[in-house]
Amino acid sequence: MRHSFGSIVKAYRERKRLTQLELAVKSKGELSTATISKAETDPSYNPKLTTFIKFYKIMDVPFKDIVATLEGTADDK
């Protein structure tokens, strides 16, 4: 099953026990709370590649996990 970008972002953010505000602060100005909120709640949100990379880099998500999650093969722990 494929997941939306927003549902993946939210799941990883919650695993890290971060609020949207905390994630925005951790991004050091690269992501706003508005961008994070839109990403998580708008199913049609399709980020630019640079924004996509920022989300996962800031949350320290390994690239293989990103690909596996997008393909729907990641283990839900």
N, C-alpha and C. Protein backbone atom coordinates (compact mmCIF):
# COMPACT_ATOMS: atom_id res chain seq x y z
N MET A 1 0.84 -1.18 0.00
CA MET A 1 0.00 0.00 0.00
C MET A 1 0.89 1.25 0.00
N ARG A 2 0.59 2.18 -0.86
CA ARG A 2 1.33 3.44 -0.92
C ARG A 2 0.73 4.44 0.06
N HIS A 3 1.59 5.22 0.64
CA HIS A 3 1.16 6.23 1.60
C HIS A 3 1.37 7.61 1.01
N SER A 4 0.59 8.57 1.48
CA SER A 4 0.80 9.95 1.03
C SER A 4 2.04 10.51 1.70
N PHE A 5 2.63 11.49 1.06
CA PHE A 5 3.81 12.15 1.63
C PHE A 5 3.49 12.66 3.03
N GLY A 6 2.34 13.31 3.19
CA GLY A 6 1.96 13.88 4.47
C GLY A 6 1.80 12.86 5.58
N SER A 7 1.21 11.71 5.26
CA SER A 7 1.03 10.69 6.29
C SER A 7 2.38 10.12 6.73
N ILE A 8 3.32 10.06 5.80
CA ILE A 8 4.66 9.57 6.13
C ILE A 8 5.39 10.58 7.01
N VAL A 9 5.31 11.85 6.62
CA VAL A 9 5.95 12.91 7.41
C VAL A 9 5.39 12.91 8.83
N LYS A 10 4.08 12.86 8.95
CA LYS A 10 3.45 12.89 10.27
C LYS A 10 3.86 11.68 11.10
N ALA A 11 3.89 10.50 10.50
CA ALA A 11 4.27 9.30 11.24
C ALA A 11 5.70 9.39 11.76
N TYR A 12 6.63 9.83 10.92
CA TYR A 12 8.01 9.96 11.37
C TYR A 12 8.16 11.08 12.40
N ARG A 13 7.44 12.18 12.22
CA ARG A 13 7.51 13.28 13.19
C ARG A 13 7.01 12.79 14.55
N GLU A 14 5.91 12.05 14.55
CA GLU A 14 5.37 11.54 15.81
C GLU A 14 6.28 10.49 16.43
N ARG A 15 6.93 9.68 15.62
CA ARG A 15 7.90 8.71 16.16
C ARG A 15 9.04 9.42 16.88
N LYS A 16 9.42 10.58 16.35
CA LYS A 16 10.48 11.38 16.98
C LYS A 16 9.95 12.20 18.15
N ARG A 17 8.64 12.11 18.38
CA ARG A 17 7.95 12.85 19.45
C ARG A 17 8.16 14.35 19.32
N LEU A 18 8.00 14.84 18.08
CA LEU A 18 8.13 16.26 17.81
C LEU A 18 6.77 16.85 17.45
N THR A 19 6.51 18.05 17.93
CA THR A 19 5.34 18.79 17.46
C THR A 19 5.72 19.43 16.12
N GLN A 20 4.73 19.95 15.43
CA GLN A 20 5.03 20.66 14.18
C GLN A 20 5.95 21.85 14.46
N LEU A 21 5.70 22.55 15.54
CA LEU A 21 6.54 23.70 15.90
C LEU A 21 7.97 23.26 16.19
N GLU A 22 8.13 22.18 16.93
CA GLU A 22 9.48 21.69 17.25
C GLU A 22 10.23 21.27 15.98
N LEU A 23 9.51 20.65 15.04
CA LEU A 23 10.13 20.27 13.78
C LEU A 23 10.56 21.51 12.99
N ALA A 24 9.71 22.53 13.00
CA ALA A 24 10.04 23.79 12.30
C ALA A 24 11.28 24.43 12.93
N VAL A 25 11.35 24.44 14.25
CA VAL A 25 12.52 25.01 14.94
C VAL A 25 13.77 24.19 14.62
N LYS A 26 13.63 22.87 14.64
CA LYS A 26 14.75 21.99 14.35
C LYS A 26 15.27 22.20 12.92
N SER A 27 14.38 22.63 12.03
CA SER A 27 14.78 22.85 10.63
C SER A 27 15.59 24.14 10.45
N LYS A 28 15.68 24.94 11.50
CA LYS A 28 16.45 26.20 11.47
C LYS A 28 16.00 27.10 10.32
N GLY A 29 14.69 27.23 10.18
CA GLY A 29 14.13 28.13 9.19
C GLY A 29 13.91 27.54 7.81
N GLU A 30 14.28 26.28 7.61
CA GLU A 30 14.09 25.66 6.29
C GLU A 30 12.65 25.24 6.04
N LEU A 31 11.91 24.93 7.11
CA LEU A 31 10.51 24.53 6.99
C LEU A 31 9.69 25.34 7.98
N SER A 32 8.59 25.87 7.52
CA SER A 32 7.71 26.62 8.42
C SER A 32 6.64 25.68 8.97
N THR A 33 5.99 26.10 10.07
CA THR A 33 4.89 25.29 10.60
C THR A 33 3.77 25.21 9.57
N ALA A 34 3.58 26.26 8.79
CA ALA A 34 2.54 26.24 7.75
C ALA A 34 2.84 25.18 6.69
N THR A 35 4.10 25.07 6.30
CA THR A 35 4.49 24.05 5.32
C THR A 35 4.30 22.65 5.89
N ILE A 36 4.71 22.46 7.12
CA ILE A 36 4.57 21.16 7.77
C ILE A 36 3.10 20.79 7.90
N SER A 37 2.29 21.73 8.34
CA SER A 37 0.85 21.48 8.48
C SER A 37 0.22 21.13 7.13
N LYS A 38 0.55 21.90 6.12
CA LYS A 38 0.00 21.64 4.78
C LYS A 38 0.43 20.26 4.29
N ALA A 39 1.70 19.94 4.48
CA ALA A 39 2.20 18.63 4.05
C ALA A 39 1.43 17.50 4.71
N GLU A 40 1.14 17.66 6.01
CA GLU A 40 0.49 16.59 6.75
C GLU A 40 -1.01 16.49 6.51
N THR A 41 -1.65 17.59 6.13
CA THR A 41 -3.11 17.58 6.05
C THR A 41 -3.68 17.67 4.64
N ASP A 42 -2.89 18.11 3.68
CA ASP A 42 -3.39 18.26 2.31
C ASP A 42 -2.97 17.05 1.48
N PRO A 43 -3.91 16.14 1.17
CA PRO A 43 -3.55 14.93 0.44
C PRO A 43 -3.00 15.20 -0.96
N SER A 44 -3.26 16.38 -1.49
CA SER A 44 -2.76 16.70 -2.83
C SER A 44 -1.39 17.40 -2.77
N TYR A 45 -0.87 17.62 -1.56
CA TYR A 45 0.43 18.29 -1.42
C TYR A 45 1.51 17.43 -2.06
N ASN A 46 2.23 18.02 -2.97
CA ASN A 46 3.31 17.33 -3.68
C ASN A 46 4.54 18.23 -3.62
N PRO A 47 5.44 17.96 -2.67
CA PRO A 47 6.56 18.87 -2.45
C PRO A 47 7.59 18.83 -3.58
N LYS A 48 8.33 19.92 -3.68
CA LYS A 48 9.49 19.93 -4.57
C LYS A 48 10.50 18.94 -3.98
N LEU A 49 11.38 18.45 -4.81
CA LEU A 49 12.38 17.49 -4.34
C LEU A 49 13.22 18.07 -3.20
N THR A 50 13.56 19.34 -3.27
CA THR A 50 14.37 19.94 -2.21
C THR A 50 13.62 19.96 -0.88
N THR A 51 12.32 20.22 -0.93
CA THR A 51 11.51 20.21 0.30
C THR A 51 11.39 18.80 0.83
N PHE A 52 11.16 17.84 -0.05
CA PHE A 52 11.07 16.43 0.30
C PHE A 52 12.33 16.01 1.07
N ILE A 53 13.48 16.35 0.51
CA ILE A 53 14.75 15.99 1.13
C ILE A 53 14.92 16.67 2.49
N LYS A 54 14.51 17.93 2.60
CA LYS A 54 14.62 18.66 3.87
C LYS A 54 13.86 17.95 4.98
N PHE A 55 12.62 17.54 4.69
CA PHE A 55 11.82 16.86 5.71
C PHE A 55 12.56 15.65 6.27
N TYR A 56 13.04 14.81 5.40
CA TYR A 56 13.66 13.57 5.85
C TYR A 56 15.05 13.77 6.45
N LYS A 57 15.79 14.73 5.92
CA LYS A 57 17.11 15.02 6.47
C LYS A 57 16.99 15.55 7.90
N ILE A 58 16.06 16.45 8.12
CA ILE A 58 15.86 17.05 9.44
C ILE A 58 15.42 16.00 10.45
N MET A 59 14.65 15.01 10.00
CA MET A 59 14.17 13.96 10.91
C MET A 59 15.10 12.75 10.96
N ASP A 60 16.26 12.84 10.28
CA ASP A 60 17.26 11.77 10.28
C ASP A 60 16.69 10.42 9.82
N VAL A 61 15.89 10.45 8.77
CA VAL A 61 15.31 9.22 8.23
C VAL A 61 16.26 8.69 7.15
N PRO A 62 16.72 7.43 7.29
CA PRO A 62 17.60 6.86 6.27
C PRO A 62 16.89 6.78 4.91
N PHE A 63 17.65 7.02 3.85
CA PHE A 63 17.08 7.03 2.50
C PHE A 63 16.37 5.72 2.19
N LYS A 64 16.94 4.58 2.59
CA LYS A 64 16.31 3.29 2.30
C LYS A 64 14.94 3.19 2.95
N ASP A 65 14.76 3.82 4.12
CA ASP A 65 13.46 3.82 4.79
C ASP A 65 12.46 4.69 4.04
N ILE A 66 12.94 5.79 3.48
CA ILE A 66 12.06 6.66 2.70
C ILE A 66 11.53 5.91 1.49
N VAL A 67 12.43 5.26 0.77
CA VAL A 67 12.03 4.51 -0.43
C VAL A 67 11.10 3.37 -0.05
N ALA A 68 11.44 2.63 0.99
CA ALA A 68 10.60 1.51 1.42
C ALA A 68 9.21 1.98 1.82
N THR A 69 9.14 3.09 2.53
CA THR A 69 7.85 3.60 2.96
C THR A 69 7.03 4.06 1.77
N LEU A 70 7.65 4.76 0.84
CA LEU A 70 6.92 5.22 -0.34
C LEU A 70 6.44 4.05 -1.19
N GLU A 71 7.20 2.96 -1.18
CA GLU A 71 6.79 1.78 -1.93
C GLU A 71 5.81 0.92 -1.14
N GLY A 72 5.62 1.25 0.14
CA GLY A 72 4.69 0.49 0.97
C GLY A 72 5.26 -0.81 1.50
N THR A 73 6.60 -0.88 1.61
CA THR A 73 7.21 -2.11 2.08
C THR A 73 7.87 -1.98 3.44
N ALA A 74 7.80 -0.82 4.03
CA ALA A 74 8.45 -0.61 5.34
C ALA A 74 7.67 -1.32 6.43
N ASP A 75 8.40 -1.78 7.43
CA ASP A 75 7.75 -2.38 8.59
C ASP A 75 7.15 -1.28 9.44
N ASP A 76 5.91 -1.45 9.83
CA ASP A 76 5.28 -0.49 10.74
C ASP A 76 5.56 -0.97 12.14
N LYS A 77 6.49 -0.30 12.79
CA LYS A 77 6.91 -0.71 14.14
C LYS A 77 6.17 0.07 15.18
